[in-house]
Amino acid sequence: MRALDAALTRQLDAELEPHALQVFPTSRPAFRGLGLATATAARLLRQCLDAGLTPRWSASNPVTQRLAVRLGYRPAGVCEVLYRR
C-alpha cells in the first residue's frame, strides 16, 4: 500500500479537476460501485488518525454524503462552497 503524496496526486488527470470532489457522469464508469472510494477514503482517514490529525469530511453532493455516512461521519451542518470558473 502506498501513501497518497504529492507525486502520486500529480498523476491524477484533468478529468478530476478542479478538486476531485465533484461527480462526473462520464468519469470511469467501469470502476463505479466496486467500493474503491470507500477503501481509499478509509485508508486516508486511517493515515490521518495515525498522524494525530482530526479528519473532516465535506460532502458536496449526495454521492459524497452517502460515502461519508458509510465511513462513520454524521451530519454536523451545512456550508456553502464557492469557486471561480
N, C-alpha and C. Protein backbone atom coordinates (compact mmCIF):
# COMPACT_ATOMS: atom_id res chain seq x y z
N MET A 1 0.85 -1.17 0.00
CA MET A 1 0.00 0.00 0.00
C MET A 1 0.89 1.23 0.00
N ARG A 2 0.54 2.20 -0.81
CA ARG A 2 1.34 3.42 -0.93
C ARG A 2 0.54 4.61 -0.42
N ALA A 3 1.17 5.45 0.38
CA ALA A 3 0.51 6.65 0.89
C ALA A 3 0.31 7.65 -0.24
N LEU A 4 -0.80 8.36 -0.19
CA LEU A 4 -1.08 9.41 -1.16
C LEU A 4 -0.16 10.58 -0.85
N ASP A 5 0.69 10.94 -1.82
CA ASP A 5 1.62 12.04 -1.63
C ASP A 5 1.56 12.95 -2.85
N ALA A 6 2.36 14.00 -2.85
CA ALA A 6 2.32 14.99 -3.94
C ALA A 6 2.64 14.35 -5.28
N ALA A 7 3.60 13.45 -5.33
CA ALA A 7 3.98 12.83 -6.60
C ALA A 7 2.83 11.99 -7.15
N LEU A 8 2.14 11.28 -6.27
CA LEU A 8 1.02 10.45 -6.72
C LEU A 8 -0.17 11.31 -7.16
N THR A 9 -0.42 12.40 -6.45
CA THR A 9 -1.55 13.25 -6.84
C THR A 9 -1.31 13.94 -8.18
N ARG A 10 -0.06 14.15 -8.56
CA ARG A 10 0.22 14.75 -9.87
C ARG A 10 -0.18 13.82 -11.01
N GLN A 11 -0.39 12.55 -10.72
CA GLN A 11 -0.78 11.59 -11.75
C GLN A 11 -2.28 11.63 -12.04
N LEU A 12 -3.04 12.34 -11.20
CA LEU A 12 -4.47 12.48 -11.46
C LEU A 12 -4.66 13.27 -12.74
N ASP A 13 -5.60 12.86 -13.55
CA ASP A 13 -5.75 13.57 -14.82
C ASP A 13 -6.71 14.75 -14.71
N ALA A 14 -6.73 15.57 -15.73
CA ALA A 14 -7.52 16.80 -15.74
C ALA A 14 -9.01 16.53 -15.59
N GLU A 15 -9.45 15.32 -15.87
CA GLU A 15 -10.86 14.97 -15.75
C GLU A 15 -11.35 15.10 -14.31
N LEU A 16 -10.44 15.05 -13.35
CA LEU A 16 -10.81 15.12 -11.94
C LEU A 16 -10.68 16.53 -11.37
N GLU A 17 -10.32 17.51 -12.18
CA GLU A 17 -10.20 18.88 -11.71
C GLU A 17 -11.59 19.51 -11.63
N PRO A 18 -11.87 20.54 -10.85
CA PRO A 18 -10.90 21.37 -10.16
C PRO A 18 -10.40 20.79 -8.84
N HIS A 19 -11.16 19.93 -8.18
CA HIS A 19 -10.68 19.47 -6.88
C HIS A 19 -11.05 18.01 -6.59
N ALA A 20 -11.38 17.24 -7.60
CA ALA A 20 -11.62 15.80 -7.49
C ALA A 20 -12.78 15.45 -6.57
N LEU A 21 -13.64 16.40 -6.25
CA LEU A 21 -14.75 16.10 -5.35
C LEU A 21 -16.11 16.13 -6.06
N GLN A 22 -16.12 16.52 -7.28
CA GLN A 22 -17.38 16.57 -8.00
C GLN A 22 -17.71 15.19 -8.58
N VAL A 23 -18.95 14.99 -8.94
CA VAL A 23 -19.36 13.73 -9.56
C VAL A 23 -19.54 14.00 -11.05
N PHE A 24 -18.73 13.34 -11.86
CA PHE A 24 -18.81 13.48 -13.30
C PHE A 24 -19.43 12.21 -13.87
N PRO A 25 -20.57 12.30 -14.55
CA PRO A 25 -21.25 11.09 -15.02
C PRO A 25 -20.43 10.27 -16.01
N THR A 26 -19.44 10.85 -16.66
CA THR A 26 -18.66 10.11 -17.65
C THR A 26 -17.33 9.61 -17.10
N SER A 27 -17.04 9.88 -15.82
CA SER A 27 -15.73 9.51 -15.27
C SER A 27 -15.69 8.05 -14.83
N ARG A 28 -14.87 7.29 -15.48
CA ARG A 28 -14.55 5.92 -15.08
C ARG A 28 -15.76 5.06 -14.74
N PRO A 29 -16.76 4.95 -15.62
CA PRO A 29 -17.97 4.17 -15.30
C PRO A 29 -17.67 2.70 -14.98
N ALA A 30 -16.65 2.13 -15.56
CA ALA A 30 -16.33 0.72 -15.30
C ALA A 30 -15.88 0.47 -13.86
N PHE A 31 -15.47 1.52 -13.16
CA PHE A 31 -14.96 1.36 -11.80
C PHE A 31 -15.95 1.75 -10.73
N ARG A 32 -17.14 2.23 -11.14
CA ARG A 32 -18.13 2.64 -10.15
C ARG A 32 -18.76 1.44 -9.45
N GLY A 33 -19.08 1.61 -8.19
CA GLY A 33 -19.80 0.57 -7.45
C GLY A 33 -18.93 -0.58 -6.96
N LEU A 34 -17.62 -0.44 -7.03
CA LEU A 34 -16.72 -1.51 -6.61
C LEU A 34 -16.16 -1.31 -5.21
N GLY A 35 -16.54 -0.20 -4.58
CA GLY A 35 -16.04 0.07 -3.23
C GLY A 35 -14.68 0.74 -3.19
N LEU A 36 -14.20 1.19 -4.35
CA LEU A 36 -12.87 1.80 -4.39
C LEU A 36 -12.81 3.11 -3.61
N ALA A 37 -13.86 3.93 -3.72
CA ALA A 37 -13.87 5.20 -2.97
C ALA A 37 -13.90 4.94 -1.48
N THR A 38 -14.69 3.96 -1.06
CA THR A 38 -14.77 3.64 0.37
C THR A 38 -13.42 3.15 0.89
N ALA A 39 -12.79 2.25 0.15
CA ALA A 39 -11.50 1.71 0.58
C ALA A 39 -10.44 2.80 0.61
N THR A 40 -10.41 3.65 -0.40
CA THR A 40 -9.42 4.72 -0.48
C THR A 40 -9.63 5.74 0.64
N ALA A 41 -10.89 6.16 0.84
CA ALA A 41 -11.19 7.14 1.88
C ALA A 41 -10.91 6.57 3.27
N ALA A 42 -11.23 5.30 3.48
CA ALA A 42 -10.96 4.68 4.78
C ALA A 42 -9.46 4.66 5.07
N ARG A 43 -8.67 4.36 4.05
CA ARG A 43 -7.21 4.35 4.22
C ARG A 43 -6.69 5.75 4.54
N LEU A 44 -7.21 6.75 3.84
CA LEU A 44 -6.80 8.14 4.10
C LEU A 44 -7.17 8.55 5.52
N LEU A 45 -8.36 8.18 5.96
CA LEU A 45 -8.78 8.51 7.32
C LEU A 45 -7.87 7.83 8.35
N ARG A 46 -7.51 6.58 8.09
CA ARG A 46 -6.61 5.86 9.00
C ARG A 46 -5.26 6.57 9.07
N GLN A 47 -4.74 7.02 7.91
CA GLN A 47 -3.46 7.75 7.90
C GLN A 47 -3.57 9.04 8.71
N CYS A 48 -4.69 9.74 8.58
CA CYS A 48 -4.89 10.97 9.35
C CYS A 48 -4.89 10.67 10.84
N LEU A 49 -5.65 9.66 11.25
CA LEU A 49 -5.72 9.31 12.66
C LEU A 49 -4.37 8.86 13.20
N ASP A 50 -3.65 8.07 12.41
CA ASP A 50 -2.32 7.61 12.83
C ASP A 50 -1.34 8.78 13.00
N ALA A 51 -1.57 9.84 12.22
CA ALA A 51 -0.70 11.02 12.29
C ALA A 51 -1.16 12.03 13.34
N GLY A 52 -2.22 11.68 14.07
CA GLY A 52 -2.73 12.58 15.10
C GLY A 52 -3.59 13.71 14.56
N LEU A 53 -4.08 13.58 13.34
CA LEU A 53 -4.92 14.60 12.73
C LEU A 53 -6.39 14.26 12.94
N THR A 54 -7.24 15.27 12.96
CA THR A 54 -8.67 15.05 13.05
C THR A 54 -9.27 15.20 11.66
N PRO A 55 -9.68 14.10 11.05
CA PRO A 55 -10.23 14.20 9.69
C PRO A 55 -11.61 14.84 9.68
N ARG A 56 -11.87 15.61 8.67
CA ARG A 56 -13.18 16.24 8.44
C ARG A 56 -13.64 15.85 7.05
N TRP A 57 -14.93 15.85 6.82
CA TRP A 57 -15.47 15.46 5.52
C TRP A 57 -16.37 16.56 5.01
N SER A 58 -16.17 17.01 3.79
CA SER A 58 -17.04 17.98 3.15
C SER A 58 -17.82 17.26 2.07
N ALA A 59 -19.07 16.97 2.34
CA ALA A 59 -19.90 16.21 1.41
C ALA A 59 -20.67 17.16 0.51
N SER A 60 -20.14 17.40 -0.67
CA SER A 60 -20.71 18.42 -1.56
C SER A 60 -21.83 17.92 -2.46
N ASN A 61 -22.12 16.63 -2.42
CA ASN A 61 -23.19 16.08 -3.27
C ASN A 61 -23.71 14.80 -2.62
N PRO A 62 -24.84 14.28 -3.08
CA PRO A 62 -25.43 13.08 -2.46
C PRO A 62 -24.50 11.86 -2.47
N VAL A 63 -23.70 11.68 -3.50
CA VAL A 63 -22.79 10.54 -3.57
C VAL A 63 -21.75 10.63 -2.46
N THR A 64 -21.18 11.81 -2.28
CA THR A 64 -20.17 12.01 -1.23
C THR A 64 -20.80 11.91 0.15
N GLN A 65 -22.03 12.36 0.26
CA GLN A 65 -22.73 12.27 1.54
C GLN A 65 -22.93 10.80 1.94
N ARG A 66 -23.33 9.96 1.00
CA ARG A 66 -23.50 8.52 1.29
C ARG A 66 -22.17 7.89 1.68
N LEU A 67 -21.11 8.26 0.99
CA LEU A 67 -19.79 7.73 1.32
C LEU A 67 -19.39 8.15 2.73
N ALA A 68 -19.62 9.40 3.08
CA ALA A 68 -19.27 9.89 4.41
C ALA A 68 -20.01 9.10 5.49
N VAL A 69 -21.28 8.82 5.27
CA VAL A 69 -22.05 8.05 6.25
C VAL A 69 -21.49 6.64 6.38
N ARG A 70 -21.12 6.02 5.24
CA ARG A 70 -20.52 4.67 5.29
C ARG A 70 -19.22 4.66 6.09
N LEU A 71 -18.51 5.78 6.08
CA LEU A 71 -17.24 5.89 6.80
C LEU A 71 -17.43 6.26 8.27
N GLY A 72 -18.67 6.50 8.68
CA GLY A 72 -18.94 6.79 10.08
C GLY A 72 -19.18 8.25 10.41
N TYR A 73 -19.14 9.12 9.42
CA TYR A 73 -19.40 10.53 9.67
C TYR A 73 -20.88 10.75 9.88
N ARG A 74 -21.21 11.78 10.64
CA ARG A 74 -22.59 12.18 10.88
C ARG A 74 -22.72 13.64 10.49
N PRO A 75 -23.87 14.03 9.92
CA PRO A 75 -24.05 15.44 9.53
C PRO A 75 -23.83 16.38 10.71
N ALA A 76 -23.10 17.46 10.45
CA ALA A 76 -22.81 18.43 11.51
C ALA A 76 -23.19 19.84 11.09
N GLY A 77 -23.80 19.99 9.95
CA GLY A 77 -24.18 21.31 9.49
C GLY A 77 -23.99 21.43 7.99
N VAL A 78 -24.31 22.57 7.49
CA VAL A 78 -24.22 22.82 6.05
C VAL A 78 -23.34 24.04 5.82
N CYS A 79 -22.49 23.98 4.80
CA CYS A 79 -21.71 25.15 4.42
C CYS A 79 -21.81 25.31 2.92
N GLU A 80 -21.66 26.51 2.46
CA GLU A 80 -21.72 26.81 1.04
C GLU A 80 -20.29 26.94 0.52
N VAL A 81 -19.98 26.20 -0.54
CA VAL A 81 -18.65 26.23 -1.12
C VAL A 81 -18.73 26.99 -2.45
N LEU A 82 -17.91 27.99 -2.59
CA LEU A 82 -17.87 28.80 -3.81
C LEU A 82 -16.52 28.63 -4.48
N TYR A 83 -16.52 28.56 -5.79
CA TYR A 83 -15.26 28.55 -6.53
C TYR A 83 -15.47 29.28 -7.85
N ARG A 84 -14.41 29.85 -8.33
CA ARG A 84 -14.44 30.63 -9.55
C ARG A 84 -14.18 29.74 -10.76
N ARG A 85 -14.94 29.91 -11.80
CA ARG A 85 -14.73 29.15 -13.05
C ARG A 85 -13.74 29.84 -13.94
